[in-house]
C-alpha atoms as a PDB file:
ATOM      1  CA  MET A   1      41.446 -63.903  49.103  1.00  0.00           C
ATOM      2  CA  ALA A   2      41.141 -63.679  52.914  1.00  0.00           C
ATOM      3  CA  PHE A   3      41.526 -59.928  52.718  1.00  0.00           C
ATOM      4  CA  SER A   4      38.990 -59.619  49.983  1.00  0.00           C
ATOM      5  CA  GLU A   5      36.501 -61.580  52.052  1.00  0.00           C
ATOM      6  CA  LEU A   6      37.207 -59.366  55.038  1.00  0.00           C
ATOM      7  CA  CYS A   7      36.413 -56.141  52.941  1.00  0.00           C
ATOM      8  CA  TYR A   8      33.315 -57.765  51.614  1.00  0.00           C
ATOM      9  CA  LEU A   9      32.142 -58.643  55.199  1.00  0.00           C
ATOM     10  CA  LEU A  10      32.939 -55.120  56.567  1.00  0.00           C
ATOM     11  CA  SER A  11      31.136 -53.517  53.596  1.00  0.00           C
ATOM     12  CA  PHE A  12      28.149 -55.821  54.145  1.00  0.00           C
ATOM     13  CA  TYR A  13      28.025 -55.046  57.940  1.00  0.00           C
ATOM     14  CA  LEU A  14      28.375 -51.541  57.497  1.00  0.00           C
ATOM     15  CA  SER A  15      25.516 -51.355  54.972  1.00  0.00           C
ATOM     16  CA  ILE A  16      23.260 -53.298  57.339  1.00  0.00           C
ATOM     17  CA  THR A  17      24.289 -50.864  60.227  1.00  0.00           C
ATOM     18  CA  VAL A  18      23.543 -47.744  58.064  1.00  0.00           C
ATOM     19  CA  ALA A  19      20.218 -49.133  56.825  1.00  0.00           C
ATOM     20  CA  PHE A  20      19.282 -50.068  60.386  1.00  0.00           C
ATOM     21  CA  PHE A  21      19.904 -46.524  61.819  1.00  0.00           C
ATOM     22  CA  GLN A  22      18.055 -44.969  58.717  1.00  0.00           C
ATOM     23  CA  ASP A  23      15.076 -47.247  59.453  1.00  0.00           C
ATOM     24  CA  LEU A  24      15.377 -46.481  63.259  1.00  0.00           C
ATOM     25  CA  LEU A  25      15.480 -42.829  62.741  1.00  0.00           C
ATOM     26  CA  SER A  26      12.530 -42.776  60.245  1.00  0.00           C
ATOM     27  CA  PHE A  27      10.561 -44.956  62.741  1.00  0.00           C
ATOM     28  CA  LEU A  28      11.095 -42.516  65.654  1.00  0.00           C
ATOM     29  CA  LEU A  29      10.184 -39.601  63.521  1.00  0.00           C
ATOM     30  CA  ASN A  30       7.027 -41.350  62.379  1.00  0.00           C
ATOM     31  CA  LEU A  31       6.428 -42.400  65.944  1.00  0.00           C
ATOM     32  CA  TYR A  32       6.427 -38.822  67.366  1.00  0.00           C
ATOM     33  CA  GLN A  33       5.359 -37.149  64.136  1.00  0.00           C
ATOM     34  CA  LEU A  34       7.931 -34.481  64.631  1.00  0.00           C
ATOM     35  CA  PRO A  35       7.419 -31.622  62.166  1.00  0.00           C
ATOM     36  CA  VAL A  36      11.176 -31.577  61.417  1.00  0.00           C
ATOM     37  CA  VAL A  37      10.973 -30.035  58.028  1.00  0.00           C
ATOM     38  CA  SER A  38       8.450 -27.268  59.080  1.00  0.00           C
ATOM     39  CA  LEU A  39      10.798 -26.562  61.913  1.00  0.00           C
ATOM     40  CA  ALA A  40      13.653 -26.140  59.536  1.00  0.00           C
ATOM     41  CA  ASP A  41      11.708 -23.958  57.249  1.00  0.00           C
ATOM     42  CA  MET A  42      10.897 -21.653  60.354  1.00  0.00           C
ATOM     43  CA  CYS A  43      14.670 -21.642  61.233  1.00  0.00           C
ATOM     44  CA  LEU A  44      15.518 -20.562  57.776  1.00  0.00           C
ATOM     45  CA  ALA A  45      12.796 -17.831  58.057  1.00  0.00           C
ATOM     46  CA  LEU A  46      14.454 -16.647  61.271  1.00  0.00           C
ATOM     47  CA  TYR A  47      17.994 -16.864  59.706  1.00  0.00           C
ATOM     48  CA  PHE A  48      16.722 -14.489  56.777  1.00  0.00           C
ATOM     49  CA  ARG A  49      15.462 -12.047  59.560  1.00  0.00           C
ATOM     50  CA  LEU A  50      18.983 -12.290  61.183  1.00  0.00           C
ATOM     51  CA  CYS A  51      20.486 -11.381  57.676  1.00  0.00           C
ATOM     52  CA  GLY A  52      18.413  -8.064  57.804  1.00  0.00           C
ATOM     53  CA  LEU A  53      15.452  -9.215  55.678  1.00  0.00           C
ATOM     54  CA  SER A  54      11.818  -9.003  56.492  1.00  0.00           C
ATOM     55  CA  PRO A  55       8.840 -10.729  54.774  1.00  0.00           C
ATOM     56  CA  CYS A  56       6.227  -8.860  53.015  1.00  0.00           C
ATOM     57  CA  THR A  57       3.125  -9.617  50.999  1.00  0.00           C
ATOM     58  CA  ILE A  58       2.128  -7.360  48.075  1.00  0.00           C
ATOM     59  CA  ASN A  59      -1.113  -7.360  46.138  1.00  0.00           C
ATOM     60  CA  VAL A  60       0.216  -6.910  42.524  1.00  0.00           C
ATOM     61  CA  ASP A  61      -3.471  -6.671  41.274  1.00  0.00           C
ATOM     62  CA  ASP A  62      -6.909  -7.802  42.418  1.00  0.00           C
ATOM     63  CA  GLN A  63      -6.043 -11.409  41.410  1.00  0.00           C
ATOM     64  CA  THR A  64      -2.263 -11.845  42.226  1.00  0.00           C
ATOM     65  CA  THR A  65      -0.212 -11.526  45.562  1.00  0.00           C
ATOM     66  CA  MET A  66       3.543 -11.772  45.731  1.00  0.00           C
ATOM     67  CA  HIS A  67       5.642 -12.576  48.643  1.00  0.00           C
ATOM     68  CA  PHE A  68       9.097 -11.094  49.048  1.00  0.00           C
ATOM     69  CA  TRP A  69      11.898 -11.034  51.501  1.00  0.00           C
ATOM     70  CA  THR A  70      13.367  -7.487  51.419  1.00  0.00           C
ATOM     71  CA  ALA A  71      16.004  -5.583  53.088  1.00  0.00           C
ATOM     72  CA  ASP A  72      14.745  -4.071  56.471  1.00  0.00           C
ATOM     73  CA  HIS A  73      16.485  -0.752  55.932  1.00  0.00           C
ATOM     74  CA  SER A  74      17.873  -0.146  52.593  1.00  0.00           C
ATOM     75  CA  GLN A  75      21.233   1.737  52.569  1.00  0.00           C
ATOM     76  CA  LEU A  76      22.047   4.092  49.847  1.00  0.00           C
ATOM     77  CA  LYS A  77      25.692   2.996  49.772  1.00  0.00           C
ATOM     78  CA  LYS A  78      24.518  -0.653  49.064  1.00  0.00           C
ATOM     79  CA  PRO A  79      23.239  -1.409  45.409  1.00  0.00           C
ATOM     80  CA  ASN A  80      19.935  -3.211  45.138  1.00  0.00           C
ATOM     81  CA  LEU A  81      20.132  -6.892  44.131  1.00  0.00           C
ATOM     82  CA  VAL A  82      17.019  -9.003  43.244  1.00  0.00           C
ATOM     83  CA  MET A  83      17.455 -12.757  43.466  1.00  0.00           C
ATOM     84  CA  ILE A  84      15.141 -14.969  41.601  1.00  0.00           C
ATOM     85  CA  HIS A  85      15.007 -18.777  42.448  1.00  0.00           C
ATOM     86  CA  GLY A  86      14.652 -21.795  40.444  1.00  0.00           C
ATOM     87  CA  TYR A  87      11.853 -24.489  40.323  1.00  0.00           C
ATOM     88  CA  GLY A  88      13.240 -26.714  43.234  1.00  0.00           C
ATOM     89  CA  GLY A  89      11.654 -24.818  46.131  1.00  0.00           C
ATOM     90  CA  ASN A  90      10.965 -21.456  47.517  1.00  0.00           C
ATOM     91  CA  SER A  91      13.415 -18.611  47.940  1.00  0.00           C
ATOM     92  CA  ARG A  92      14.434 -19.587  51.467  1.00  0.00           C
ATOM     93  CA  TRP A  93      15.564 -23.053  50.614  1.00  0.00           C
ATOM     94  CA  GLN A  94      17.484 -22.264  47.627  1.00  0.00           C
ATOM     95  CA  PHE A  95      19.347 -19.176  48.835  1.00  0.00           C
ATOM     96  CA  MET A  96      19.899 -20.122  52.539  1.00  0.00           C
ATOM     97  CA  ARG A  97      23.615 -20.427  51.642  1.00  0.00           C
ATOM     98  CA  GLN A  98      23.960 -16.997  50.021  1.00  0.00           C
ATOM     99  CA  VAL A  99      21.852 -14.483  51.818  1.00  0.00           C
ATOM    100  CA  GLY A 100      24.320 -14.264  54.642  1.00  0.00           C
ATOM    101  CA  PHE A 101      27.193 -13.277  52.467  1.00  0.00           C
ATOM    102  CA  LEU A 102      25.282 -11.140  49.830  1.00  0.00           C
ATOM    103  CA  SER A 103      23.281  -9.072  52.485  1.00  0.00           C
ATOM    104  CA  LYS A 104      26.518  -7.614  53.678  1.00  0.00           C
ATOM    105  CA  THR A 105      27.134  -5.885  50.237  1.00  0.00           C
ATOM    106  CA  PHE A 106      23.685  -5.504  48.760  1.00  0.00           C
ATOM    107  CA  ASN A 107      20.094  -4.521  49.709  1.00  0.00           C
ATOM    108  CA  LEU A 108      18.570  -7.907  48.947  1.00  0.00           C
ATOM    109  CA  HIS A 109      15.014  -8.209  47.464  1.00  0.00           C
ATOM    110  CA  ILE A 110      13.917 -11.835  47.115  1.00  0.00           C
ATOM    111  CA  PRO A 111      10.609 -12.754  45.674  1.00  0.00           C
ATOM    112  CA  ASP A 112       8.864 -16.107  45.909  1.00  0.00           C
ATOM    113  CA  LEU A 113       7.839 -16.675  42.234  1.00  0.00           C
ATOM    114  CA  ILE A 114       3.961 -17.228  41.562  1.00  0.00           C
ATOM    115  CA  PHE A 115       2.687 -20.655  43.117  1.00  0.00           C
ATOM    116  CA  PHE A 116       5.891 -20.838  45.196  1.00  0.00           C
ATOM    117  CA  GLY A 117       5.929 -19.809  48.976  1.00  0.00           C
ATOM    118  CA  ASN A 118       3.064 -17.448  49.595  1.00  0.00           C
ATOM    119  CA  SER A 119       2.832 -15.955  46.033  1.00  0.00           C
ATOM    120  CA  TYR A 120      -0.461 -16.833  44.180  1.00  0.00           C
ATOM    121  CA  THR A 121      -2.683 -15.772  41.379  1.00  0.00           C
ATOM    122  CA  THR A 122      -6.018 -16.783  39.995  1.00  0.00           C
ATOM    123  CA  ARG A 123      -5.071 -15.669  36.474  1.00  0.00           C
ATOM    124  CA  PRO A 124      -4.516 -18.548  34.008  1.00  0.00           C
ATOM    125  CA  ASP A 125      -1.200 -17.248  32.669  1.00  0.00           C
ATOM    126  CA  ARG A 126       1.791 -19.786  33.260  1.00  0.00           C
ATOM    127  CA  THR A 127       4.484 -17.910  31.234  1.00  0.00           C
ATOM    128  CA  GLU A 128       7.793 -16.452  32.450  1.00  0.00           C
ATOM    129  CA  ILE A 129       6.739 -13.111  31.045  1.00  0.00           C
ATOM    130  CA  PHE A 130       3.851 -13.014  33.468  1.00  0.00           C
ATOM    131  CA  GLN A 131       6.217 -14.114  36.292  1.00  0.00           C
ATOM    132  CA  ALA A 132       8.489 -11.199  35.066  1.00  0.00           C
ATOM    133  CA  LYS A 133       5.797  -8.631  35.169  1.00  0.00           C
ATOM    134  CA  CYS A 134       4.558  -9.728  38.676  1.00  0.00           C
ATOM    135  CA  VAL A 135       8.115  -9.536  40.158  1.00  0.00           C
ATOM    136  CA  PHE A 136       8.594  -6.107  38.461  1.00  0.00           C
ATOM    137  CA  GLU A 137       5.148  -4.691  39.862  1.00  0.00           C
ATOM    138  CA  GLY A 138       6.028  -6.096  43.290  1.00  0.00           C
ATOM    139  CA  LEU A 139       9.506  -4.272  43.272  1.00  0.00           C
ATOM    140  CA  LYS A 140       7.766  -0.981  42.121  1.00  0.00           C
ATOM    141  CA  ARG A 141       5.391  -1.137  45.073  1.00  0.00           C
ATOM    142  CA  LEU A 142       8.398  -1.704  47.357  1.00  0.00           C
ATOM    143  CA  GLY A 143      10.093   1.496  46.017  1.00  0.00           C
ATOM    144  CA  VAL A 144      12.715  -0.447  44.280  1.00  0.00           C
ATOM    145  CA  ASP A 145      13.380   1.433  41.079  1.00  0.00           C
ATOM    146  CA  ARG A 146      16.776   0.351  39.935  1.00  0.00           C
ATOM    147  CA  PHE A 147      18.428  -2.889  40.607  1.00  0.00           C
ATOM    148  CA  ALA A 148      20.741  -5.701  39.445  1.00  0.00           C
ATOM    149  CA  ILE A 149      19.336  -9.261  39.110  1.00  0.00           C
ATOM    150  CA  TYR A 150      20.783 -12.686  39.972  1.00  0.00           C
ATOM    151  CA  ALA A 151      18.702 -15.608  38.786  1.00  0.00           C
ATOM    152  CA  ILE A 152      19.177 -19.260  38.783  1.00  0.00           C
ATOM    153  CA  SER A 153      17.644 -21.924  36.581  1.00  0.00           C
ATOM    154  CA  TYR A 154      13.881 -21.345  35.800  1.00  0.00           C
ATOM    155  CA  GLY A 155      14.513 -17.968  37.478  1.00  0.00           C
ATOM    156  CA  GLY A 156      16.841 -17.160  34.691  1.00  0.00           C
ATOM    157  CA  PHE A 157      13.937 -17.163  31.988  1.00  0.00           C
ATOM    158  CA  VAL A 158      12.197 -14.696  34.149  1.00  0.00           C
ATOM    159  CA  ALA A 159      15.123 -12.470  34.732  1.00  0.00           C
ATOM    160  CA  TYR A 160      15.834 -12.400  31.052  1.00  0.00           C
ATOM    161  CA  ARG A 161      12.329 -11.266  30.347  1.00  0.00           C
ATOM    162  CA  MET A 162      12.560  -8.553  33.080  1.00  0.00           C
ATOM    163  CA  ALA A 163      15.782  -7.315  31.653  1.00  0.00           C
ATOM    164  CA  LYS A 164      14.435  -6.987  27.989  1.00  0.00           C
ATOM    165  CA  MET A 165      11.059  -5.365  29.217  1.00  0.00           C
ATOM    166  CA  TYR A 166      12.356  -2.881  31.694  1.00  0.00           C
ATOM    167  CA  PRO A 167      15.899  -1.922  30.571  1.00  0.00           C
ATOM    168  CA  LYS A 168      15.788   1.486  32.474  1.00  0.00           C
ATOM    169  CA  GLU A 169      15.157  -0.219  35.919  1.00  0.00           C
ATOM    170  CA  VAL A 170      17.321  -3.374  35.348  1.00  0.00           C
ATOM    171  CA  GLY A 171      21.151  -2.895  35.506  1.00  0.00           C
ATOM    172  CA  LYS A 172      23.562  -5.771  35.422  1.00  0.00           C
ATOM    173  CA  VAL A 173      22.164  -9.366  35.063  1.00  0.00           C
ATOM    174  CA  VAL A 174      23.670 -12.629  36.358  1.00  0.00           C
ATOM    175  CA  ILE A 175      22.190 -15.787  34.810  1.00  0.00           C
ATOM    176  CA  VAL A 176      23.173 -19.112  36.257  1.00  0.00           C
ATOM    177  CA  SER A 177      22.466 -22.525  34.750  1.00  0.00           C
ATOM    178  CA  CYS A 178      19.526 -21.587  32.715  1.00  0.00           C
ATOM    179  CA  GLY A 179      18.767 -23.111  29.316  1.00  0.00           C
ATOM    180  CA  ILE A 180      17.352 -19.894  27.482  1.00  0.00           C
ATOM    181  CA  VAL A 181      18.738 -20.856  24.229  1.00  0.00           C
ATOM    182  CA  PHE A 182      17.786 -24.459  24.360  1.00  0.00           C
ATOM    183  CA  THR A 183      16.402 -25.386  20.922  1.00  0.00           C
ATOM    184  CA  GLU A 184      13.340 -27.766  20.567  1.00  0.00           C
ATOM    185  CA  GLU A 185      15.813 -30.618  19.128  1.00  0.00           C
ATOM    186  CA  GLN A 186      18.401 -30.044  21.964  1.00  0.00           C
ATOM    187  CA  LYS A 187      15.503 -30.203  24.530  1.00  0.00           C
ATOM    188  CA  GLY A 188      14.081 -33.365  23.040  1.00  0.00           C
ATOM    189  CA  GLU A 189      17.486 -35.099  22.968  1.00  0.00           C
ATOM    190  CA  HIS A 190      18.349 -34.149  26.343  1.00  0.00           C
ATOM    191  CA  LEU A 191      15.049 -35.210  27.982  1.00  0.00           C
ATOM    192  CA  LYS A 192      15.742 -38.666  26.337  1.00  0.00           C
ATOM    193  CA  LYS A 193      19.140 -38.903  27.991  1.00  0.00           C
ATOM    194  CA  ILE A 194      17.680 -38.096  31.302  1.00  0.00           C
ATOM    195  CA  GLY A 195      15.310 -40.969  30.634  1.00  0.00           C
ATOM    196  CA  ARG A 196      12.576 -39.778  33.141  1.00  0.00           C
ATOM    197  CA  ASP A 197       9.478 -37.883  32.884  1.00  0.00           C
ATOM    198  CA  ALA A 198      10.615 -34.209  33.469  1.00  0.00           C
ATOM    199  CA  LEU A 199       7.086 -33.493  35.084  1.00  0.00           C
ATOM    200  CA  LYS A 200       7.535 -35.999  37.826  1.00  0.00           C
ATOM    201  CA  ILE A 201      11.153 -34.774  38.509  1.00  0.00           C
ATOM    202  CA  LEU A 202      10.186 -31.017  38.561  1.00  0.00           C
ATOM    203  CA  VAL A 203       7.015 -31.643  40.637  1.00  0.00           C
ATOM    204  CA  PRO A 204       8.022 -34.718  42.671  1.00  0.00           C
ATOM    205  CA  GLU A 205       5.168 -36.777  44.023  1.00  0.00           C
ATOM    206  CA  ASN A 206       7.374 -39.270  46.273  1.00  0.00           C
ATOM    207  CA  PRO A 207      10.651 -39.383  47.802  1.00  0.00           C
ATOM    208  CA  HIS A 208      12.184 -41.403  44.882  1.00  0.00           C
ATOM    209  CA  ASP A 209      11.409 -38.580  42.354  1.00  0.00           C
ATOM    210  CA  LEU A 210      12.833 -35.927  44.771  1.00  0.00           C
ATOM    211  CA  ARG A 211      16.043 -37.951  45.058  1.00  0.00           C
ATOM    212  CA  LEU A 212      16.395 -38.070  41.390  1.00  0.00           C
ATOM    213  CA  LEU A 213      15.985 -34.094  41.284  1.00  0.00           C
ATOM    214  CA  VAL A 214      18.585 -33.842  43.822  1.00  0.00           C
ATOM    215  CA  ASN A 215      20.958 -36.223  42.178  1.00  0.00           C
ATOM    216  CA  LEU A 216      20.479 -34.490  38.714  1.00  0.00           C
ATOM    217  CA  SER A 217      21.198 -31.033  40.401  1.00  0.00           C
ATOM    218  CA  VAL A 218      23.843 -31.644  42.916  1.00  0.00           C
ATOM    219  CA  TYR A 219      27.169 -32.873  41.669  1.00  0.00           C
ATOM    220  CA  LYS A 220      29.481 -32.874  44.823  1.00  0.00           C
ATOM    221  CA  CYS A 221      29.086 -35.155  47.671  1.00  0.00           C
ATOM    222  CA  ASP A 222      25.294 -35.181  48.214  1.00  0.00           C
ATOM    223  CA  PRO A 223      24.380 -33.840  51.694  1.00  0.00           C
ATOM    224  CA  PHE A 224      21.000 -35.394  51.398  1.00  0.00           C
ATOM    225  CA  MET A 225      22.129 -38.907  50.633  1.00  0.00           C
ATOM    226  CA  TRP A 226      21.676 -40.331  54.077  1.00  0.00           C
ATOM    227  CA  VAL A 227      18.385 -38.339  54.721  1.00  0.00           C
ATOM    228  CA  PRO A 228      15.401 -40.721  55.364  1.00  0.00           C
ATOM    229  CA  ASP A 229      12.506 -40.899  53.006  1.00  0.00           C
ATOM    230  CA  TYR A 230      10.471 -39.495  55.892  1.00  0.00           C
ATOM    231  CA  PHE A 231      12.261 -36.035  55.316  1.00  0.00           C
ATOM    232  CA  TYR A 232      11.774 -36.064  51.662  1.00  0.00           C
ATOM    233  CA  GLY A 233       8.125 -36.838  52.002  1.00  0.00           C
ATOM    234  CA  LYS A 234       7.713 -33.914  54.494  1.00  0.00           C
ATOM    235  CA  PHE A 235       9.670 -31.573  52.081  1.00  0.00           C
ATOM    236  CA  ILE A 236       7.379 -32.583  49.303  1.00  0.00           C
ATOM    237  CA  ASN A 237       4.270 -31.679  51.366  1.00  0.00           C
ATOM    238  CA  LEU A 238       5.822 -28.417  52.461  1.00  0.00           C
ATOM    239  CA  VAL A 239       7.007 -27.211  48.993  1.00  0.00           C
ATOM    240  CA  TYR A 240       5.129 -29.023  46.295  1.00  0.00           C
ATOM    241  CA  LYS A 241       1.811 -30.018  47.709  1.00  0.00           C
ATOM    242  CA  GLU A 242       0.295 -26.437  47.725  1.00  0.00           C
ATOM    243  CA  HIS A 243      -0.540 -25.205  44.090  1.00  0.00           C
ATOM    244  CA  LYS A 244       0.455 -28.476  42.834  1.00  0.00           C
ATOM    245  CA  LYS A 245      -1.920 -28.252  39.845  1.00  0.00           C
ATOM    246  CA  GLU A 246      -0.553 -24.838  38.737  1.00  0.00           C
ATOM    247  CA  LYS A 247       3.115 -25.934  39.210  1.00  0.00           C
ATOM    248  CA  ILE A 248       2.280 -28.910  36.768  1.00  0.00           C
ATOM    249  CA  GLU A 249       0.798 -26.474  34.336  1.00  0.00           C
ATOM    250  CA  MET A 250       3.930 -24.283  34.478  1.00  0.00           C
ATOM    251  CA  VAL A 251       6.009 -27.288  33.610  1.00  0.00           C
ATOM    252  CA  GLU A 252       3.841 -28.409  30.954  1.00  0.00           C
ATOM    253  CA  TYR A 253       3.996 -24.950  29.287  1.00  0.00           C
ATOM    254  CA  MET A 254       7.969 -25.101  29.614  1.00  0.00           C
ATOM    255  CA  LEU A 255       8.152 -28.322  27.886  1.00  0.00           C
ATOM    256  CA  THR A 256       5.735 -27.470  25.039  1.00  0.00           C
ATOM    257  CA  GLN A 257       6.967 -23.977  24.534  1.00  0.00           C
ATOM    258  CA  LYS A 258       8.614 -23.468  21.179  1.00  0.00           C
ATOM    259  CA  ALA A 259      12.057 -22.047  20.896  1.00  0.00           C
ATOM    260  CA  ASP A 260      11.867 -18.191  20.292  1.00  0.00           C
ATOM    261  CA  PRO A 261      13.477 -17.666  16.887  1.00  0.00           C
ATOM    262  CA  ASN A 262      13.531 -13.906  17.786  1.00  0.00           C
ATOM    263  CA  LEU A 263      15.018 -14.158  21.188  1.00  0.00           C
ATOM    264  CA  PRO A 264      15.935 -10.493  22.117  1.00  0.00           C
ATOM    265  CA  ILE A 265      19.514  -9.600  22.753  1.00  0.00           C
ATOM    266  CA  LEU A 266      19.775  -7.717  26.112  1.00  0.00           C
ATOM    267  CA  THR A 267      21.286  -4.387  26.367  1.00  0.00           C
ATOM    268  CA  GLN A 268      22.659  -5.058  29.914  1.00  0.00           C
ATOM    269  CA  GLU A 269      26.048  -6.416  30.781  1.00  0.00           C
ATOM    270  CA  THR A 270      25.344 -10.056  31.407  1.00  0.00           C
ATOM    271  CA  LEU A 271      27.311 -12.589  33.463  1.00  0.00           C
ATOM    272  CA  ILE A 272      26.691 -16.285  32.636  1.00  0.00           C
ATOM    273  CA  VAL A 273      27.713 -18.767  35.337  1.00  0.00           C
ATOM    274  CA  TRP A 274      27.542 -22.588  34.744  1.00  0.00           C
ATOM    275  CA  GLY A 275      28.611 -25.690  36.535  1.00  0.00           C
ATOM    276  CA  GLU A 276      30.884 -27.540  34.567  1.00  0.00           C
ATOM    277  CA  GLU A 277      29.127 -30.981  35.357  1.00  0.00           C
ATOM    278  CA  ASP A 278      25.499 -29.542  34.815  1.00  0.00           C
ATOM    279  CA  LYS A 279      23.211 -32.520  34.103  1.00  0.00           C
ATOM    280  CA  VAL A 280      20.048 -30.380  33.586  1.00  0.00           C
ATOM    281  CA  PHE A 281      21.269 -27.739  31.236  1.00  0.00           C
ATOM    282  CA  PRO A 282      24.507 -28.909  29.539  1.00  0.00           C
ATOM    283  CA  VAL A 283      27.448 -26.431  29.720  1.00  0.00           C
ATOM    284  CA  TYR A 284      27.548 -25.798  26.071  1.00  0.00           C
ATOM    285  CA  LEU A 285      24.314 -23.671  26.478  1.00  0.00           C
ATOM    286  CA  ALA A 286      26.493 -21.195  28.477  1.00  0.00           C
ATOM    287  CA  TYR A 287      28.496 -20.540  25.419  1.00  0.00           C
ATOM    288  CA  GLU A 288      25.769 -20.382  22.975  1.00  0.00           C
ATOM    289  CA  LEU A 289      23.914 -17.810  25.267  1.00  0.00           C
ATOM    290  CA  GLN A 290      27.114 -15.810  25.346  1.00  0.00           C
ATOM    291  CA  ARG A 291      27.414 -15.922  21.467  1.00  0.00           C
ATOM    292  CA  HIS A 292      23.889 -14.775  21.273  1.00  0.00           C
ATOM    293  CA  LEU A 293      24.289 -11.857  23.718  1.00  0.00           C
ATOM    294  CA  GLY A 294      27.553 -10.733  22.249  1.00  0.00           C
ATOM    295  CA  SER A 295      30.317  -8.476  23.600  1.00  0.00           C
ATOM    296  CA  LYS A 296      28.498  -7.333  26.577  1.00  0.00           C
ATOM    297  CA  SER A 297      28.270 -10.773  28.209  1.00  0.00           C
ATOM    298  CA  LYS A 298      30.990 -13.156  29.524  1.00  0.00           C
ATOM    299  CA  VAL A 299      30.990 -16.776  30.887  1.00  0.00           C
ATOM    300  CA  GLU A 300      32.269 -18.186  34.047  1.00  0.00           C
ATOM    301  CA  ILE A 301      32.504 -21.916  34.478  1.00  0.00           C
ATOM    302  CA  ILE A 302      32.914 -23.486  37.880  1.00  0.00           C
ATOM    303  CA  LYS A 303      34.578 -26.714  38.069  1.00  0.00           C
ATOM    304  CA  ASP A 304      33.454 -29.833  40.082  1.00  0.00           C
ATOM    305  CA  THR A 305      29.953 -28.171  40.079  1.00  0.00           C
ATOM    306  CA  GLY A 306      26.597 -29.378  38.933  1.00  0.00           C
ATOM    307  CA  HIS A 307      23.302 -27.518  38.058  1.00  0.00           C
ATOM    308  CA  ALA A 308      22.642 -26.440  41.617  1.00  0.00           C
ATOM    309  CA  VAL A 309      25.687 -23.940  41.672  1.00  0.00           C
ATOM    310  CA  ASN A 310      24.052 -22.302  44.791  1.00  0.00           C
ATOM    311  CA  ILE A 311      24.507 -25.573  46.647  1.00  0.00           C
ATOM    312  CA  ASP A 312      27.690 -27.112  45.170  1.00  0.00           C
ATOM    313  CA  ALA A 313      29.698 -23.746  45.091  1.00  0.00           C
ATOM    314  CA  PRO A 314      28.031 -20.926  46.937  1.00  0.00           C
ATOM    315  CA  GLU A 315      31.185 -19.188  47.990  1.00  0.00           C
ATOM    316  CA  SER A 316      32.523 -19.040  44.365  1.00  0.00           C
ATOM    317  CA  LEU A 317      29.116 -17.889  43.043  1.00  0.00           C
ATOM    318  CA  ASN A 318      28.749 -15.159  45.636  1.00  0.00           C
ATOM    319  CA  ALA A 319      32.237 -13.979  44.826  1.00  0.00           C
ATOM    320  CA  LEU A 320      31.320 -13.788  41.038  1.00  0.00           C
ATOM    321  CA  ILE A 321      28.251 -11.964  41.709  1.00  0.00           C
ATOM    322  CA  THR A 322      29.745  -9.588  44.002  1.00  0.00           C
ATOM    323  CA  SER A 323      32.846  -8.695  41.556  1.00  0.00           C
ATOM    324  CA  PHE A 324      30.706  -8.508  38.563  1.00  0.00           C
ATOM    325  CA  VAL A 325      27.818  -6.273  39.963  1.00  0.00           C
ATOM    326  CA  LEU A 326      30.235  -3.856  41.839  1.00  0.00           C
ATOM    327  CA  GLY A 327      32.857  -3.755  39.153  1.00  0.00           C
ATOM    328  CA  SER A 328      32.998  -0.692  36.827  1.00  0.00           C
ATOM    329  CA  SER A 329      31.200  -0.839  33.570  1.00  0.00           C
END
């Protein structure tokens, strides 16, 4: 009994201590208004430069601008790899644990999708087909005429359309954690299981919503668990506040979009990668996509990994991408 009481007291005082220091840190940051998240974003930009990437902005047409991080000096001995991010932030924040490794092997070309980062359009189109066209036109203006694609989550929808529309230019395709074959019934049932408004999760308005998005995406020990709400608020302002209306329209389109009964079958070799513990797109969707694509596709399931494979298991994902893209057909 005494031991149980001791454990209870230790747990209680530890919780009080942690809460105190969280509040103290949040207070100090608010007191001095340190732009910590903006500084982190600047550090990521510097890191991308150190990995041999440079930012560039391209006018795709008179109403559309695309921002890319692209290899400084493309080397002929390196294949081109296009990396397409998902909905949880711009390319820097999503690929920060991958560019260092992958830039050693590939000429990387990393777009910020429309309404993320510095990419923007005044056109009303909110479809993944429009995103695919914009990415391709940007690559064409960069002189990138043949490339493999690695795309995660929402980026997988964009990559899939690119592969279908531009089969001569798109080589191998790596799709990670993307519910391309989600039926309307499956989508509805899964949204009920999540139990929250998907719109607020994907375009969070407050730290609570963003924490829920992180909890749904990351399976392993959450590195953001102890981050004060101050940081989450600043991150929302940095990533989600700009073009918020357009981001919401994109989510509304995705949620109301009917399943494509004539979903095309890609001609490219395709690697499908999934986290075994994915709470956003259940792992059975990986096998359904493989059955749809047929013999030119294969599935790799990473254990103890959630939806954000790029965060939970970047080393394993990098190794799979490299082996697949460089492997002989």
